[in-house]
């Protein structure tokens, strides 16, 4: 079976507790997978189809954002 998707394999086939903590959020029109930490989110992965979103340093993996 071939699965064509922009979603990470860990989210489709969760094998650890970390996959359960991921949330799909949208920040300024950019879809992201993020982990909630207190009153902000830590960006785990950008899942946009727009290449310009990957160049935005504000949503680079590891950055913290507020919604």
PDB file of N, CA and C in Angstrom:
ATOM      1  N   UNK A   1       0.842  -1.175   0.000  1.00  0.00           N
ATOM      2  CA  UNK A   1       0.000   0.000   0.000  1.00  0.00           C
ATOM      3  C   UNK A   1       0.888   1.238   0.000  1.00  0.00           C
ATOM      4  N   UNK A   2       0.529   2.201  -0.828  1.00  0.00           N
ATOM      5  CA  UNK A   2       1.238   3.470  -0.891  1.00  0.00           C
ATOM      6  C   UNK A   2       0.299   4.544  -0.381  1.00  0.00           C
ATOM      7  N   UNK A   3       0.790   5.361   0.533  1.00  0.00           N
ATOM      8  CA  UNK A   3      -0.007   6.416   1.131  1.00  0.00           C
ATOM      9  C   UNK A   3       0.666   7.746   0.831  1.00  0.00           C
ATOM     10  N   UNK A   4       0.040   8.571  -0.002  1.00  0.00           N
ATOM     11  CA  UNK A   4       0.575   9.880  -0.347  1.00  0.00           C
ATOM     12  C   UNK A   4      -0.062  10.928   0.559  1.00  0.00           C
ATOM     13  N   UNK A   5       0.735  11.514   1.433  1.00  0.00           N
ATOM     14  CA  UNK A   5       0.219  12.499   2.368  1.00  0.00           C
ATOM     15  C   UNK A   5       1.345  13.397   2.854  1.00  0.00           C
ATOM     16  N   UNK A   6       0.982  14.599   3.309  1.00  0.00           N
ATOM     17  CA  UNK A   6       1.975  15.509   3.897  1.00  0.00           C
ATOM     18  C   UNK A   6       2.086  15.286   5.394  1.00  0.00           C
ATOM     19  N   UNK A   7       1.216  14.445   5.936  1.00  0.00           N
ATOM     20  CA  UNK A   7       1.243  14.177   7.373  1.00  0.00           C
ATOM     21  C   UNK A   7       2.403  13.237   7.700  1.00  0.00           C
ATOM     22  N   UNK A   8       3.054  13.445   8.832  1.00  0.00           N
ATOM     23  CA  UNK A   8       4.182  12.584   9.193  1.00  0.00           C
ATOM     24  C   UNK A   8       3.721  11.168   9.526  1.00  0.00           C
ATOM     25  N   UNK A   9       4.591  10.224   9.278  1.00  0.00           N
ATOM     26  CA  UNK A   9       4.294   8.817   9.529  1.00  0.00           C
ATOM     27  C   UNK A   9       3.938   8.573  10.990  1.00  0.00           C
ATOM     28  N   UNK A  10       4.582   9.291  11.899  1.00  0.00           N
ATOM     29  CA  UNK A  10       4.325   9.105  13.322  1.00  0.00           C
ATOM     30  C   UNK A  10       2.895   9.470  13.709  1.00  0.00           C
ATOM     31  N   UNK A  11       2.284  10.394  12.958  1.00  0.00           N
ATOM     32  CA  UNK A  11       0.918  10.800  13.271  1.00  0.00           C
ATOM     33  C   UNK A  11      -0.098   9.793  12.719  1.00  0.00           C
ATOM     34  N   UNK A  12       0.199   9.207  11.577  1.00  0.00           N
ATOM     35  CA  UNK A  12      -0.703   8.233  10.967  1.00  0.00           C
ATOM     36  C   UNK A  12      -0.599   6.888  11.672  1.00  0.00           C
ATOM     37  N   UNK A  13       0.616   6.481  12.000  1.00  0.00           N
ATOM     38  CA  UNK A  13       0.865   5.218  12.685  1.00  0.00           C
ATOM     39  C   UNK A  13       1.554   5.501  14.020  1.00  0.00           C
ATOM     40  N   UNK A  14       0.814   5.982  15.025  1.00  0.00           N
ATOM     41  CA  UNK A  14       1.466   6.350  16.296  1.00  0.00           C
ATOM     42  C   UNK A  14       2.059   5.139  17.009  1.00  0.00           C
ATOM     43  N   UNK A  15       3.295   5.308  17.462  1.00  0.00           N
ATOM     44  CA  UNK A  15       3.984   4.240  18.179  1.00  0.00           C
ATOM     45  C   UNK A  15       4.468   4.688  19.543  1.00  0.00           C
ATOM     46  N   UNK A  16       4.339   5.964  19.842  1.00  0.00           N
ATOM     47  CA  UNK A  16       4.831   6.459  21.121  1.00  0.00           C
ATOM     48  C   UNK A  16       3.836   7.444  21.717  1.00  0.00           C
ATOM     49  N   UNK A  17       4.101   7.857  22.922  1.00  0.00           N
ATOM     50  CA  UNK A  17       3.242   8.817  23.593  1.00  0.00           C
ATOM     51  C   UNK A  17       3.326  10.193  22.949  1.00  0.00           C
ATOM     52  N   UNK A  18       4.450  10.515  22.325  1.00  0.00           N
ATOM     53  CA  UNK A  18       4.623  11.833  21.729  1.00  0.00           C
ATOM     54  C   UNK A  18       3.589  12.084  20.638  1.00  0.00           C
ATOM     55  N   UNK A  19       3.229  11.074  19.861  1.00  0.00           N
ATOM     56  CA  UNK A  19       2.266  11.249  18.779  1.00  0.00           C
ATOM     57  C   UNK A  19       0.894  11.639  19.322  1.00  0.00           C
ATOM     58  N   UNK A  20       0.578  11.228  20.536  1.00  0.00           N
ATOM     59  CA  UNK A  20      -0.708  11.577  21.125  1.00  0.00           C
ATOM     60  C   UNK A  20      -0.750  13.024  21.592  1.00  0.00           C
ATOM     61  N   UNK A  21       0.388  13.656  21.783  1.00  0.00           N
ATOM     62  CA  UNK A  21       0.437  15.032  22.254  1.00  0.00           C
ATOM     63  C   UNK A  21       0.379  16.039  21.119  1.00  0.00           C
ATOM     64  N   UNK A  22       0.484  15.604  19.876  1.00  0.00           N
ATOM     65  CA  UNK A  22       0.483  16.524  18.749  1.00  0.00           C
ATOM     66  C   UNK A  22      -0.921  17.034  18.471  1.00  0.00           C
ATOM     67  N   UNK A  23      -1.000  18.312  18.151  1.00  0.00           N
ATOM     68  CA  UNK A  23      -2.263  18.933  17.780  1.00  0.00           C
ATOM     69  C   UNK A  23      -2.083  19.623  16.437  1.00  0.00           C
ATOM     70  N   UNK A  24      -3.095  19.549  15.600  1.00  0.00           N
ATOM     71  CA  UNK A  24      -3.094  20.266  14.339  1.00  0.00           C
ATOM     72  C   UNK A  24      -3.629  21.664  14.613  1.00  0.00           C
ATOM     73  N   UNK A  25      -2.781  22.671  14.445  1.00  0.00           N
ATOM     74  CA  UNK A  25      -3.171  24.055  14.689  1.00  0.00           C
ATOM     75  C   UNK A  25      -2.884  24.884  13.439  1.00  0.00           C
ATOM     76  N   UNK A  26      -3.550  26.020  13.338  1.00  0.00           N
ATOM     77  CA  UNK A  26      -3.304  26.951  12.238  1.00  0.00           C
ATOM     78  C   UNK A  26      -2.857  28.272  12.835  1.00  0.00           C
ATOM     79  N   UNK A  27      -1.723  28.748  12.391  1.00  0.00           N
ATOM     80  CA  UNK A  27      -1.160  30.012  12.867  1.00  0.00           C
ATOM     81  C   UNK A  27      -0.964  30.915  11.659  1.00  0.00           C
ATOM     82  N   UNK A  28      -1.679  32.023  11.606  1.00  0.00           N
ATOM     83  CA  UNK A  28      -1.624  32.969  10.476  1.00  0.00           C
ATOM     84  C   UNK A  28      -1.801  32.258   9.129  1.00  0.00           C
ATOM     85  N   UNK A  29      -2.701  31.297   9.085  1.00  0.00           N
ATOM     86  CA  UNK A  29      -2.989  30.583   7.840  1.00  0.00           C
ATOM     87  C   UNK A  29      -2.020  29.465   7.516  1.00  0.00           C
ATOM     88  N   UNK A  30      -1.091  29.155   8.423  1.00  0.00           N
ATOM     89  CA  UNK A  30      -0.100  28.106   8.199  1.00  0.00           C
ATOM     90  C   UNK A  30      -0.471  26.893   9.051  1.00  0.00           C
ATOM     91  N   UNK A  31      -0.791  25.748   8.431  1.00  0.00           N
ATOM     92  CA  UNK A  31      -1.109  24.553   9.226  1.00  0.00           C
ATOM     93  C   UNK A  31       0.163  23.945   9.819  1.00  0.00           C
ATOM     94  N   UNK A  32       0.092  23.605  11.111  1.00  0.00           N
ATOM     95  CA  UNK A  32       1.251  23.095  11.841  1.00  0.00           C
ATOM     96  C   UNK A  32       0.848  21.949  12.752  1.00  0.00           C
ATOM     97  N   UNK A  33       1.796  21.066  13.030  1.00  0.00           N
ATOM     98  CA  UNK A  33       1.654  20.135  14.136  1.00  0.00           C
ATOM     99  C   UNK A  33       2.453  20.738  15.276  1.00  0.00           C
ATOM    100  N   UNK A  34       1.818  20.820  16.444  1.00  0.00           N
ATOM    101  CA  UNK A  34       2.473  21.461  17.587  1.00  0.00           C
ATOM    102  C   UNK A  34       2.105  20.736  18.866  1.00  0.00           C
ATOM    103  N   UNK A  35       2.964  20.889  19.862  1.00  0.00           N
ATOM    104  CA  UNK A  35       2.714  20.359  21.203  1.00  0.00           C
ATOM    105  C   UNK A  35       2.358  21.524  22.110  1.00  0.00           C
ATOM    106  N   UNK A  36       1.322  21.350  22.894  1.00  0.00           N
ATOM    107  CA  UNK A  36       0.923  22.406  23.836  1.00  0.00           C
ATOM    108  C   UNK A  36       1.827  22.351  25.059  1.00  0.00           C
ATOM    109  N   UNK A  37       2.386  23.492  25.398  1.00  0.00           N
ATOM    110  CA  UNK A  37       3.230  23.629  26.587  1.00  0.00           C
ATOM    111  C   UNK A  37       2.806  24.892  27.315  1.00  0.00           C
ATOM    112  N   UNK A  38       2.072  24.686  28.416  1.00  0.00           N
ATOM    113  CA  UNK A  38       1.549  25.782  29.229  1.00  0.00           C
ATOM    114  C   UNK A  38       0.621  26.661  28.382  1.00  0.00           C
ATOM    115  N   UNK A  39       0.995  27.942  28.135  1.00  0.00           N
ATOM    116  CA  UNK A  39       0.125  28.873  27.409  1.00  0.00           C
ATOM    117  C   UNK A  39       0.589  29.110  25.984  1.00  0.00           C
ATOM    118  N   UNK A  40       1.454  28.272  25.476  1.00  0.00           N
ATOM    119  CA  UNK A  40       1.939  28.424  24.113  1.00  0.00           C
ATOM    120  C   UNK A  40       2.132  27.060  23.472  1.00  0.00           C
ATOM    121  N   UNK A  41       2.469  27.057  22.202  1.00  0.00           N
ATOM    122  CA  UNK A  41       2.670  25.819  21.462  1.00  0.00           C
ATOM    123  C   UNK A  41       4.099  25.754  20.942  1.00  0.00           C
ATOM    124  N   UNK A  42       4.669  24.561  20.949  1.00  0.00           N
ATOM    125  CA  UNK A  42       5.989  24.331  20.374  1.00  0.00           C
ATOM    126  C   UNK A  42       5.779  23.691  19.006  1.00  0.00           C
ATOM    127  N   UNK A  43       6.301  24.318  17.962  1.00  0.00           N
ATOM    128  CA  UNK A  43       6.134  23.826  16.606  1.00  0.00           C
ATOM    129  C   UNK A  43       6.948  22.548  16.419  1.00  0.00           C
ATOM    130  N   UNK A  44       6.278  21.502  15.934  1.00  0.00           N
ATOM    131  CA  UNK A  44       6.941  20.235  15.651  1.00  0.00           C
ATOM    132  C   UNK A  44       7.169  20.069  14.152  1.00  0.00           C
ATOM    133  N   UNK A  45       6.143  20.437  13.364  1.00  0.00           N
ATOM    134  CA  UNK A  45       6.252  20.232  11.925  1.00  0.00           C
ATOM    135  C   UNK A  45       5.314  21.178  11.183  1.00  0.00           C
ATOM    136  N   UNK A  46       5.794  21.744  10.079  1.00  0.00           N
ATOM    137  CA  UNK A  46       4.974  22.550   9.181  1.00  0.00           C
ATOM    138  C   UNK A  46       4.374  21.584   8.158  1.00  0.00           C
ATOM    139  N   UNK A  47       3.056  21.657   7.948  1.00  0.00           N
ATOM    140  CA  UNK A  47       2.431  20.733   6.998  1.00  0.00           C
ATOM    141  C   UNK A  47       1.730  21.476   5.868  1.00  0.00           C
ATOM    142  N   UNK A  48       2.237  22.614   5.497  1.00  0.00           N
ATOM    143  CA  UNK A  48       1.668  23.428   4.440  1.00  0.00           C
ATOM    144  C   UNK A  48       2.143  22.940   3.069  1.00  0.00           C
ATOM    145  N   UNK A  49       1.361  23.258   2.038  1.00  0.00           N
ATOM    146  CA  UNK A  49       1.783  22.960   0.667  1.00  0.00           C
ATOM    147  C   UNK A  49       2.433  24.171   0.012  1.00  0.00           C
ATOM    148  N   UNK A  50       2.491  25.288   0.728  1.00  0.00           N
ATOM    149  CA  UNK A  50       3.117  26.500   0.217  1.00  0.00           C
ATOM    150  C   UNK A  50       4.594  26.511   0.610  1.00  0.00           C
ATOM    151  N   UNK A  51       5.510  26.493  -0.356  1.00  0.00           N
ATOM    152  CA  UNK A  51       6.945  26.467  -0.030  1.00  0.00           C
ATOM    153  C   UNK A  51       7.414  27.681   0.774  1.00  0.00           C
ATOM    154  N   UNK A  52       6.752  28.809   0.634  1.00  0.00           N
ATOM    155  CA  UNK A  52       7.154  30.016   1.365  1.00  0.00           C
ATOM    156  C   UNK A  52       6.949  29.843   2.870  1.00  0.00           C
ATOM    157  N   UNK A  53       6.003  29.029   3.278  1.00  0.00           N
ATOM    158  CA  UNK A  53       5.768  28.818   4.710  1.00  0.00           C
ATOM    159  C   UNK A  53       6.951  28.125   5.384  1.00  0.00           C
ATOM    160  N   UNK A  54       7.676  27.312   4.650  1.00  0.00           N
ATOM    161  CA  UNK A  54       8.837  26.612   5.216  1.00  0.00           C
ATOM    162  C   UNK A  54      10.014  27.555   5.451  1.00  0.00           C
ATOM    163  N   UNK A  55      10.010  28.718   4.794  1.00  0.00           N
ATOM    164  CA  UNK A  55      11.080  29.697   4.978  1.00  0.00           C
ATOM    165  C   UNK A  55      10.791  30.670   6.116  1.00  0.00           C
ATOM    166  N   UNK A  56       9.605  30.636   6.669  1.00  0.00           N
ATOM    167  CA  UNK A  56       9.219  31.526   7.763  1.00  0.00           C
ATOM    168  C   UNK A  56       9.872  31.045   9.060  1.00  0.00           C
ATOM    169  N   UNK A  57      10.803  31.830   9.574  1.00  0.00           N
ATOM    170  CA  UNK A  57      11.542  31.448  10.778  1.00  0.00           C
ATOM    171  C   UNK A  57      10.678  31.440  12.031  1.00  0.00           C
ATOM    172  N   UNK A  58       9.525  32.126  12.009  1.00  0.00           N
ATOM    173  CA  UNK A  58       8.646  32.160  13.174  1.00  0.00           C
ATOM    174  C   UNK A  58       7.972  30.812  13.413  1.00  0.00           C
ATOM    175  N   UNK A  59       7.854  29.975  12.377  1.00  0.00           N
ATOM    176  CA  UNK A  59       7.200  28.669  12.532  1.00  0.00           C
ATOM    177  C   UNK A  59       8.165  27.530  12.241  1.00  0.00           C
ATOM    178  N   UNK A  60       9.452  27.779  12.399  1.00  0.00           N
ATOM    179  CA  UNK A  60      10.434  26.714  12.234  1.00  0.00           C
ATOM    180  C   UNK A  60      10.284  25.710  13.386  1.00  0.00           C
ATOM    181  N   UNK A  61      10.513  24.427  13.132  1.00  0.00           N
ATOM    182  CA  UNK A  61      10.418  23.439  14.215  1.00  0.00           C
ATOM    183  C   UNK A  61      11.264  23.826  15.419  1.00  0.00           C
ATOM    184  N   UNK A  62      10.652  23.744  16.598  1.00  0.00           N
ATOM    185  CA  UNK A  62      11.333  24.105  17.832  1.00  0.00           C
ATOM    186  C   UNK A  62      10.950  25.488  18.345  1.00  0.00           C
ATOM    187  N   UNK A  63      10.354  26.316  17.483  1.00  0.00           N
ATOM    188  CA  UNK A  63       9.935  27.653  17.889  1.00  0.00           C
ATOM    189  C   UNK A  63       8.650  27.578  18.711  1.00  0.00           C
ATOM    190  N   UNK A  64       8.436  28.559  19.566  1.00  0.00           N
ATOM    191  CA  UNK A  64       7.218  28.644  20.366  1.00  0.00           C
ATOM    192  C   UNK A  64       6.323  29.728  19.780  1.00  0.00           C
ATOM    193  N   UNK A  65       5.025  29.415  19.680  1.00  0.00           N
ATOM    194  CA  UNK A  65       4.061  30.372  19.143  1.00  0.00           C
ATOM    195  C   UNK A  65       2.889  30.476  20.119  1.00  0.00           C
ATOM    196  N   UNK A  66       2.194  31.591  20.045  1.00  0.00           N
ATOM    197  CA  UNK A  66       0.977  31.800  20.826  1.00  0.00           C
ATOM    198  C   UNK A  66      -0.201  31.878  19.875  1.00  0.00           C
ATOM    199  N   UNK A  67      -1.303  31.291  20.274  1.00  0.00           N
ATOM    200  CA  UNK A  67      -2.506  31.334  19.423  1.00  0.00           C
ATOM    201  C   UNK A  67      -3.524  32.282  19.998  1.00  0.00           C
TER     202      UNK A  67
END
